[in-house]
Amino acid sequence: MTTHRLLPNAIVCVPQSQLRDYNARVDNAVLVHPDSVKGLTPKLNWVLQSWDKGALARLNAEALVFVDDDILSVQRCFVERGEAATIREPWLVKEIIENTARLAADVGAYYFGWEASNGALRYYTGLKPFMLTGYINGCAMGFRRGHGLRFDERIVAKNDFDIACANAHKHRLCVKDCRYTFCQKETFTGRGGQAAYRTSDTEKRDVALLQKKWGDVFGFGGFSGTRKRDYAGVQKITLRLPF
């Protein structure tokens, strides 16, 4: 886990059986879920429910942001050649998150986030610093109260694609701050977390379910590549919403 170094005030959500291990290693506040909640997608729903009627409800927070545990840095996409792109200062990461949540509230969006990958550093032009539609990477995504959304627990790992479509269907609008991207470790290279549940077979089933639910808003590429995620059968997906 690396995210706690960037967000020392973040709440870490862990199974009951792992509480002692986490308390011995991190200083963050810990939210405990039952061991019966297994896998990422059910856990996301459990946290949303806790925010609504459980332990998180006492915080009276207007927005909830999910951040994966393996974030290494936040990157500025708008830098010129030679300028520093990497952000690791906790106070600045916190301000970026809060400012984007505030922007979502200002425009009436219930779902918000940032650029999908650090590839944005190569193609960012400044002509679209914000977008009001599209895919938001689940490694860092936020919800405002009143969102009325729920993750499909049949989906193992492609839940961020599914929730982007669900939000578009229900609200049409999202806020994506394209000026920043959250950078994480490469998928399929670490232990723990989704590694116990995510396989090439679950990837294929996720893709089939997305196609069945949402049809031709998705484009699917091949599996070729040299990285571990390519060998594991991670299929390239593009999202083209009709609005």
C-alpha atoms as a PDB file:
ATOM      1  CA  MET A   1       0.000   0.000   0.000  1.00  0.00           C
ATOM      2  CA  THR A   2       1.329   3.446  -0.970  1.00  0.00           C
ATOM      3  CA  THR A   3      -1.666   5.810  -1.055  1.00  0.00           C
ATOM      4  CA  HIS A   4      -1.522   6.547   2.674  1.00  0.00           C
ATOM      5  CA  ARG A   5       1.719   8.468   2.083  1.00  0.00           C
ATOM      6  CA  LEU A   6      -0.083  10.828  -0.305  1.00  0.00           C
ATOM      7  CA  LEU A   7      -3.310  10.995   1.711  1.00  0.00           C
ATOM      8  CA  PRO A   8      -2.488  10.616   5.407  1.00  0.00           C
ATOM      9  CA  ASN A   9      -6.026  11.735   6.321  1.00  0.00           C
ATOM     10  CA  ALA A  10      -7.732   9.148   4.109  1.00  0.00           C
ATOM     11  CA  ILE A  11      -9.819   6.433   5.730  1.00  0.00           C
ATOM     12  CA  VAL A  12      -8.510   2.929   5.023  1.00  0.00           C
ATOM     13  CA  CYS A  13     -11.253   0.323   4.582  1.00  0.00           C
ATOM     14  CA  VAL A  14     -10.212  -3.226   5.519  1.00  0.00           C
ATOM     15  CA  PRO A  15     -11.782  -6.592   6.449  1.00  0.00           C
ATOM     16  CA  GLN A  16     -12.311  -7.313  10.124  1.00  0.00           C
ATOM     17  CA  SER A  17      -9.736 -10.123  10.034  1.00  0.00           C
ATOM     18  CA  GLN A  18      -7.008  -7.730   8.813  1.00  0.00           C
ATOM     19  CA  LEU A  19      -7.658  -4.880  11.232  1.00  0.00           C
ATOM     20  CA  ARG A  20      -4.761  -5.707  13.575  1.00  0.00           C
ATOM     21  CA  ASP A  21      -2.274  -5.904  10.688  1.00  0.00           C
ATOM     22  CA  TYR A  22      -3.286  -2.515   9.297  1.00  0.00           C
ATOM     23  CA  ASN A  23      -3.345  -0.810  12.693  1.00  0.00           C
ATOM     24  CA  ALA A  24       0.250  -1.950  13.187  1.00  0.00           C
ATOM     25  CA  ARG A  25       1.398  -0.411   9.908  1.00  0.00           C
ATOM     26  CA  VAL A  26      -0.604   2.736   9.137  1.00  0.00           C
ATOM     27  CA  ASP A  27      -1.673   5.749  11.142  1.00  0.00           C
ATOM     28  CA  ASN A  28      -4.788   6.440   9.051  1.00  0.00           C
ATOM     29  CA  ALA A  29      -8.268   6.022  10.447  1.00  0.00           C
ATOM     30  CA  VAL A  30      -9.624   2.556   9.621  1.00  0.00           C
ATOM     31  CA  LEU A  31     -13.138   1.593   8.554  1.00  0.00           C
ATOM     32  CA  VAL A  32     -13.840  -2.110   9.107  1.00  0.00           C
ATOM     33  CA  HIS A  33     -16.149  -4.186   6.934  1.00  0.00           C
ATOM     34  CA  PRO A  34     -17.276  -7.790   7.606  1.00  0.00           C
ATOM     35  CA  ASP A  35     -15.127 -10.578   6.209  1.00  0.00           C
ATOM     36  CA  SER A  36     -18.203 -11.729   4.296  1.00  0.00           C
ATOM     37  CA  VAL A  37     -17.795  -8.721   1.951  1.00  0.00           C
ATOM     38  CA  LYS A  38     -15.348 -10.155  -0.588  1.00  0.00           C
ATOM     39  CA  GLY A  39     -13.975  -8.518  -3.715  1.00  0.00           C
ATOM     40  CA  LEU A  40     -13.764  -4.893  -4.791  1.00  0.00           C
ATOM     41  CA  THR A  41     -17.237  -4.340  -6.215  1.00  0.00           C
ATOM     42  CA  PRO A  42     -19.197  -5.533  -3.148  1.00  0.00           C
ATOM     43  CA  LYS A  43     -16.786  -3.503  -1.011  1.00  0.00           C
ATOM     44  CA  LEU A  44     -17.526  -0.331  -2.996  1.00  0.00           C
ATOM     45  CA  ASN A  45     -21.248  -0.834  -2.437  1.00  0.00           C
ATOM     46  CA  TRP A  46     -20.672  -1.519   1.254  1.00  0.00           C
ATOM     47  CA  VAL A  47     -18.773   1.775   1.612  1.00  0.00           C
ATOM     48  CA  LEU A  48     -21.505   3.696  -0.224  1.00  0.00           C
ATOM     49  CA  GLN A  49     -24.053   2.174   2.141  1.00  0.00           C
ATOM     50  CA  SER A  50     -21.894   3.092   5.141  1.00  0.00           C
ATOM     51  CA  TRP A  51     -21.717   6.663   3.849  1.00  0.00           C
ATOM     52  CA  ASP A  52     -25.491   6.710   3.618  1.00  0.00           C
ATOM     53  CA  LYS A  53     -26.509   4.987   6.849  1.00  0.00           C
ATOM     54  CA  GLY A  54     -23.409   3.565   8.531  1.00  0.00           C
ATOM     55  CA  ALA A  55     -20.250   4.750  10.258  1.00  0.00           C
ATOM     56  CA  LEU A  56     -19.317   7.218   7.506  1.00  0.00           C
ATOM     57  CA  ALA A  57     -22.689   8.957   7.729  1.00  0.00           C
ATOM     58  CA  ARG A  58     -21.566  10.622  10.961  1.00  0.00           C
ATOM     59  CA  LEU A  59     -18.957  12.598   9.029  1.00  0.00           C
ATOM     60  CA  ASN A  60     -21.698  14.548   7.180  1.00  0.00           C
ATOM     61  CA  ALA A  61     -19.445  14.653   4.112  1.00  0.00           C
ATOM     62  CA  GLU A  62     -21.017  16.005   0.949  1.00  0.00           C
ATOM     63  CA  ALA A  63     -18.700  13.938  -1.267  1.00  0.00           C
ATOM     64  CA  LEU A  64     -17.029  10.544  -1.057  1.00  0.00           C
ATOM     65  CA  VAL A  65     -13.885   9.729  -3.058  1.00  0.00           C
ATOM     66  CA  PHE A  66     -12.603   6.202  -3.647  1.00  0.00           C
ATOM     67  CA  VAL A  67      -8.826   6.010  -4.126  1.00  0.00           C
ATOM     68  CA  ASP A  68      -7.007   2.731  -4.769  1.00  0.00           C
ATOM     69  CA  ASP A  69      -4.384   1.747  -2.230  1.00  0.00           C
ATOM     70  CA  ASP A  70      -1.478   1.680  -4.710  1.00  0.00           C
ATOM     71  CA  ILE A  71      -1.358   5.304  -5.903  1.00  0.00           C
ATOM     72  CA  LEU A  72       2.236   6.484  -6.332  1.00  0.00           C
ATOM     73  CA  SER A  73       1.705  10.129  -7.288  1.00  0.00           C
ATOM     74  CA  VAL A  74      -0.561  12.669  -8.926  1.00  0.00           C
ATOM     75  CA  GLN A  75       0.682  14.072 -12.232  1.00  0.00           C
ATOM     76  CA  ARG A  76       0.094  17.482 -13.748  1.00  0.00           C
ATOM     77  CA  CYS A  77      -0.909  17.058 -17.394  1.00  0.00           C
ATOM     78  CA  PHE A  78      -0.539  20.739 -18.295  1.00  0.00           C
ATOM     79  CA  VAL A  79       3.211  21.158 -17.813  1.00  0.00           C
ATOM     80  CA  GLU A  80       5.618  22.372 -20.463  1.00  0.00           C
ATOM     81  CA  ARG A  81       8.808  20.507 -21.324  1.00  0.00           C
ATOM     82  CA  GLY A  82      11.246  20.667 -18.423  1.00  0.00           C
ATOM     83  CA  GLU A  83       8.614  21.538 -15.799  1.00  0.00           C
ATOM     84  CA  ALA A  84       7.936  19.222 -12.864  1.00  0.00           C
ATOM     85  CA  ALA A  85       4.856  17.067 -13.427  1.00  0.00           C
ATOM     86  CA  THR A  86       4.876  14.878 -10.316  1.00  0.00           C
ATOM     87  CA  ILE A  87       2.925  15.836  -7.185  1.00  0.00           C
ATOM     88  CA  ARG A  88       3.572  14.002  -3.936  1.00  0.00           C
ATOM     89  CA  GLU A  89       2.771  16.728  -1.389  1.00  0.00           C
ATOM     90  CA  PRO A  90      -0.215  15.509   0.678  1.00  0.00           C
ATOM     91  CA  TRP A  91      -1.656  19.007   1.157  1.00  0.00           C
ATOM     92  CA  LEU A  92      -1.702  19.598  -2.600  1.00  0.00           C
ATOM     93  CA  VAL A  93      -3.241  16.200  -3.427  1.00  0.00           C
ATOM     94  CA  LYS A  94      -5.951  16.954  -0.864  1.00  0.00           C
ATOM     95  CA  GLU A  95      -6.650  20.355  -2.413  1.00  0.00           C
ATOM     96  CA  ILE A  96      -6.891  18.888  -5.921  1.00  0.00           C
ATOM     97  CA  ILE A  97      -9.481  16.373  -4.708  1.00  0.00           C
ATOM     98  CA  GLU A  98     -11.497  18.978  -2.808  1.00  0.00           C
ATOM     99  CA  ASN A  99     -11.440  21.471  -5.682  1.00  0.00           C
ATOM    100  CA  THR A 100     -12.722  18.894  -8.160  1.00  0.00           C
ATOM    101  CA  ALA A 101     -15.500  17.877  -5.753  1.00  0.00           C
ATOM    102  CA  ARG A 102     -16.434  21.543  -5.378  1.00  0.00           C
ATOM    103  CA  LEU A 103     -16.511  21.967  -9.147  1.00  0.00           C
ATOM    104  CA  ALA A 104     -18.844  18.962  -9.456  1.00  0.00           C
ATOM    105  CA  ALA A 105     -21.178  20.546  -6.903  1.00  0.00           C
ATOM    106  CA  ASP A 106     -21.088  23.864  -8.762  1.00  0.00           C
ATOM    107  CA  VAL A 107     -22.220  22.296 -12.050  1.00  0.00           C
ATOM    108  CA  GLY A 108     -24.617  19.782 -10.473  1.00  0.00           C
ATOM    109  CA  ALA A 109     -22.687  16.582 -11.278  1.00  0.00           C
ATOM    110  CA  TYR A 110     -22.908  13.604  -8.922  1.00  0.00           C
ATOM    111  CA  TYR A 111     -19.906  11.689 -10.300  1.00  0.00           C
ATOM    112  CA  PHE A 112     -16.406  13.116 -10.771  1.00  0.00           C
ATOM    113  CA  GLY A 113     -12.745  12.255 -11.223  1.00  0.00           C
ATOM    114  CA  TRP A 114      -9.577  12.858 -13.188  1.00  0.00           C
ATOM    115  CA  GLU A 115      -7.725  11.732 -16.310  1.00  0.00           C
ATOM    116  CA  ALA A 116      -7.626   7.980 -16.765  1.00  0.00           C
ATOM    117  CA  SER A 117      -3.850   7.462 -17.012  1.00  0.00           C
ATOM    118  CA  ASN A 118      -0.503   9.205 -17.129  1.00  0.00           C
ATOM    119  CA  GLY A 119      -0.650   8.812 -20.906  1.00  0.00           C
ATOM    120  CA  ALA A 120      -2.497  12.127 -20.717  1.00  0.00           C
ATOM    121  CA  LEU A 121       0.883  13.752 -20.178  1.00  0.00           C
ATOM    122  CA  ARG A 122       1.610  13.048 -23.844  1.00  0.00           C
ATOM    123  CA  TYR A 123      -1.625  14.194 -25.459  1.00  0.00           C
ATOM    124  CA  TYR A 124      -2.929  16.992 -23.213  1.00  0.00           C
ATOM    125  CA  THR A 125      -3.323  20.178 -25.256  1.00  0.00           C
ATOM    126  CA  GLY A 126      -5.068  22.535 -22.854  1.00  0.00           C
ATOM    127  CA  LEU A 127      -8.094  22.782 -25.134  1.00  0.00           C
ATOM    128  CA  LYS A 128     -10.149  20.486 -22.893  1.00  0.00           C
ATOM    129  CA  PRO A 129      -9.058  21.049 -19.291  1.00  0.00           C
ATOM    130  CA  PHE A 130     -12.428  19.671 -18.139  1.00  0.00           C
ATOM    131  CA  MET A 131     -14.915  17.205 -19.611  1.00  0.00           C
ATOM    132  CA  LEU A 132     -18.549  16.664 -18.704  1.00  0.00           C
ATOM    133  CA  THR A 133     -18.868  13.151 -20.132  1.00  0.00           C
ATOM    134  CA  GLY A 134     -16.817   9.993 -20.518  1.00  0.00           C
ATOM    135  CA  TYR A 135     -14.888   7.383 -18.544  1.00  0.00           C
ATOM    136  CA  ILE A 136     -13.357   8.028 -15.124  1.00  0.00           C
ATOM    137  CA  ASN A 137     -10.717   5.594 -13.869  1.00  0.00           C
ATOM    138  CA  GLY A 138     -11.861   3.763 -10.751  1.00  0.00           C
ATOM    139  CA  CYS A 139      -8.445   4.248  -9.137  1.00  0.00           C
ATOM    140  CA  ALA A 140      -9.689   7.723  -8.127  1.00  0.00           C
ATOM    141  CA  MET A 141     -13.398   8.495  -8.502  1.00  0.00           C
ATOM    142  CA  GLY A 142     -15.846  10.536  -6.470  1.00  0.00           C
ATOM    143  CA  PHE A 143     -19.566  10.708  -5.736  1.00  0.00           C
ATOM    144  CA  ARG A 144     -21.739  13.464  -4.322  1.00  0.00           C
ATOM    145  CA  ARG A 145     -24.728  12.888  -2.076  1.00  0.00           C
ATOM    146  CA  GLY A 146     -27.850  12.152  -4.066  1.00  0.00           C
ATOM    147  CA  HIS A 147     -26.023  10.162  -6.741  1.00  0.00           C
ATOM    148  CA  GLY A 148     -28.445   7.220  -6.441  1.00  0.00           C
ATOM    149  CA  LEU A 149     -26.004   4.804  -8.088  1.00  0.00           C
ATOM    150  CA  ARG A 150     -24.980   1.264  -7.212  1.00  0.00           C
ATOM    151  CA  PHE A 151     -22.181  -0.935  -8.531  1.00  0.00           C
ATOM    152  CA  ASP A 152     -23.095  -4.140 -10.358  1.00  0.00           C
ATOM    153  CA  GLU A 153     -21.661  -6.885  -8.141  1.00  0.00           C
ATOM    154  CA  ARG A 154     -21.551  -9.364 -11.013  1.00  0.00           C
ATOM    155  CA  ILE A 155     -18.588  -7.369 -12.339  1.00  0.00           C
ATOM    156  CA  VAL A 156     -15.198  -8.192 -10.820  1.00  0.00           C
ATOM    157  CA  ALA A 157     -12.873  -5.471 -12.132  1.00  0.00           C
ATOM    158  CA  LYS A 158     -14.546  -3.377 -14.859  1.00  0.00           C
ATOM    159  CA  ASN A 159     -16.869  -1.684 -12.360  1.00  0.00           C
ATOM    160  CA  ASP A 160     -15.556   1.779 -13.256  1.00  0.00           C
ATOM    161  CA  PHE A 161     -16.679   1.358 -16.882  1.00  0.00           C
ATOM    162  CA  ASP A 162     -20.076   0.137 -15.726  1.00  0.00           C
ATOM    163  CA  ILE A 163     -20.633   2.931 -13.210  1.00  0.00           C
ATOM    164  CA  ALA A 164     -19.645   5.536 -15.824  1.00  0.00           C
ATOM    165  CA  CYS A 165     -22.437   4.219 -18.035  1.00  0.00           C
ATOM    166  CA  ALA A 166     -24.892   4.022 -15.132  1.00  0.00           C
ATOM    167  CA  ASN A 167     -24.170   7.634 -14.219  1.00  0.00           C
ATOM    168  CA  ALA A 168     -24.529   8.745 -17.848  1.00  0.00           C
ATOM    169  CA  HIS A 169     -27.860   6.921 -18.095  1.00  0.00           C
ATOM    170  CA  LYS A 170     -29.183   8.432 -14.864  1.00  0.00           C
ATOM    171  CA  HIS A 171     -27.602  11.901 -14.738  1.00  0.00           C
ATOM    172  CA  ARG A 172     -25.988  12.450 -18.181  1.00  0.00           C
ATOM    173  CA  LEU A 173     -23.408  14.717 -16.526  1.00  0.00           C
ATOM    174  CA  CYS A 174     -20.067  14.065 -14.822  1.00  0.00           C
ATOM    175  CA  VAL A 175     -16.988  16.197 -14.138  1.00  0.00           C
ATOM    176  CA  LYS A 176     -13.547  15.015 -15.219  1.00  0.00           C
ATOM    177  CA  ASP A 177     -10.644  17.309 -14.353  1.00  0.00           C
ATOM    178  CA  CYS A 178      -8.281  16.512 -17.216  1.00  0.00           C
ATOM    179  CA  ARG A 179      -5.493  18.640 -15.781  1.00  0.00           C
ATOM    180  CA  TYR A 180      -4.464  15.889 -13.361  1.00  0.00           C
ATOM    181  CA  THR A 181      -4.097  12.117 -13.337  1.00  0.00           C
ATOM    182  CA  PHE A 182      -3.601   9.680 -10.450  1.00  0.00           C
ATOM    183  CA  CYS A 183      -0.753   7.249 -11.181  1.00  0.00           C
ATOM    184  CA  GLN A 184      -0.769   3.773  -9.695  1.00  0.00           C
ATOM    185  CA  LYS A 185       1.226   0.562  -9.873  1.00  0.00           C
ATOM    186  CA  GLU A 186       0.640  -1.520 -12.981  1.00  0.00           C
ATOM    187  CA  THR A 187      -2.276  -3.942 -12.814  1.00  0.00           C
ATOM    188  CA  PHE A 188      -1.462  -7.636 -12.257  1.00  0.00           C
ATOM    189  CA  THR A 189       2.012  -6.886 -10.873  1.00  0.00           C
ATOM    190  CA  GLY A 190       1.272  -6.778  -7.137  1.00  0.00           C
ATOM    191  CA  ARG A 191      -0.090  -9.032  -4.433  1.00  0.00           C
ATOM    192  CA  GLY A 192      -3.194  -8.529  -2.328  1.00  0.00           C
ATOM    193  CA  GLY A 193      -6.380  -6.620  -3.136  1.00  0.00           C
ATOM    194  CA  GLN A 194      -7.992  -7.718  -6.391  1.00  0.00           C
ATOM    195  CA  ALA A 195      -5.155 -10.158  -7.138  1.00  0.00           C
ATOM    196  CA  ALA A 196      -7.136 -12.873  -5.351  1.00  0.00           C
ATOM    197  CA  TYR A 197     -10.192 -12.389  -7.581  1.00  0.00           C
ATOM    198  CA  ARG A 198      -9.102 -10.916 -10.918  1.00  0.00           C
ATOM    199  CA  THR A 199      -8.051 -13.370 -13.621  1.00  0.00           C
ATOM    200  CA  SER A 200      -8.074 -13.552 -17.401  1.00  0.00           C
ATOM    201  CA  ASP A 201     -11.382 -15.433 -17.154  1.00  0.00           C
ATOM    202  CA  THR A 202     -13.039 -12.777 -14.995  1.00  0.00           C
ATOM    203  CA  GLU A 203     -11.772 -10.118 -17.402  1.00  0.00           C
ATOM    204  CA  LYS A 204     -13.528 -11.854 -20.299  1.00  0.00           C
ATOM    205  CA  ARG A 205     -16.746 -12.256 -18.313  1.00  0.00           C
ATOM    206  CA  ASP A 206     -16.669  -8.576 -17.344  1.00  0.00           C
ATOM    207  CA  VAL A 207     -16.289  -7.544 -20.973  1.00  0.00           C
ATOM    208  CA  ALA A 208     -19.163  -9.818 -22.053  1.00  0.00           C
ATOM    209  CA  LEU A 209     -21.422  -8.369 -19.360  1.00  0.00           C
ATOM    210  CA  LEU A 210     -20.571  -4.788 -20.321  1.00  0.00           C
ATOM    211  CA  GLN A 211     -21.459  -5.579 -23.919  1.00  0.00           C
ATOM    212  CA  LYS A 212     -24.736  -7.162 -22.898  1.00  0.00           C
ATOM    213  CA  LYS A 213     -25.733  -4.247 -20.640  1.00  0.00           C
ATOM    214  CA  TRP A 214     -24.570  -1.241 -22.653  1.00  0.00           C
ATOM    215  CA  GLY A 215     -24.130  -2.387 -26.242  1.00  0.00           C
ATOM    216  CA  ASP A 216     -22.116  -0.431 -28.758  1.00  0.00           C
ATOM    217  CA  VAL A 217     -21.048   2.427 -26.480  1.00  0.00           C
ATOM    218  CA  PHE A 218     -17.993   0.237 -25.869  1.00  0.00           C
ATOM    219  CA  GLY A 219     -15.204  -0.484 -28.301  1.00  0.00           C
ATOM    220  CA  PHE A 220     -12.978  -3.470 -27.579  1.00  0.00           C
ATOM    221  CA  GLY A 221      -9.399  -3.880 -28.742  1.00  0.00           C
ATOM    222  CA  GLY A 222      -7.014  -6.805 -28.748  1.00  0.00           C
ATOM    223  CA  PHE A 223      -4.881  -8.474 -26.101  1.00  0.00           C
ATOM    224  CA  SER A 224      -1.463  -8.008 -27.707  1.00  0.00           C
ATOM    225  CA  GLY A 225       1.332  -6.448 -25.696  1.00  0.00           C
ATOM    226  CA  THR A 226       4.396  -7.107 -23.585  1.00  0.00           C
ATOM    227  CA  ARG A 227       3.324  -5.970 -20.137  1.00  0.00           C
ATOM    228  CA  LYS A 228       2.074  -8.338 -17.461  1.00  0.00           C
ATOM    229  CA  ARG A 229      -1.452  -6.949 -17.802  1.00  0.00           C
ATOM    230  CA  ASP A 230      -1.389  -7.874 -21.503  1.00  0.00           C
ATOM    231  CA  TYR A 231      -0.304 -11.426 -20.810  1.00  0.00           C
ATOM    232  CA  ALA A 232      -3.066 -11.669 -18.215  1.00  0.00           C
ATOM    233  CA  GLY A 233      -5.712 -11.016 -20.853  1.00  0.00           C
ATOM    234  CA  VAL A 234      -6.636  -7.423 -20.071  1.00  0.00           C
ATOM    235  CA  GLN A 235      -8.598  -6.217 -23.079  1.00  0.00           C
ATOM    236  CA  LYS A 236      -8.359  -2.603 -24.200  1.00  0.00           C
ATOM    237  CA  ILE A 237     -11.695  -0.823 -23.831  1.00  0.00           C
ATOM    238  CA  THR A 238     -12.900   2.529 -25.128  1.00  0.00           C
ATOM    239  CA  LEU A 239     -16.120   4.258 -24.107  1.00  0.00           C
ATOM    240  CA  ARG A 240     -18.096   6.374 -26.570  1.00  0.00           C
ATOM    241  CA  LEU A 241     -21.209   7.744 -24.940  1.00  0.00           C
ATOM    242  CA  PRO A 242     -23.882   9.129 -27.287  1.00  0.00           C
ATOM    243  CA  PHE A 243     -24.154  12.365 -25.280  1.00  0.00           C
END
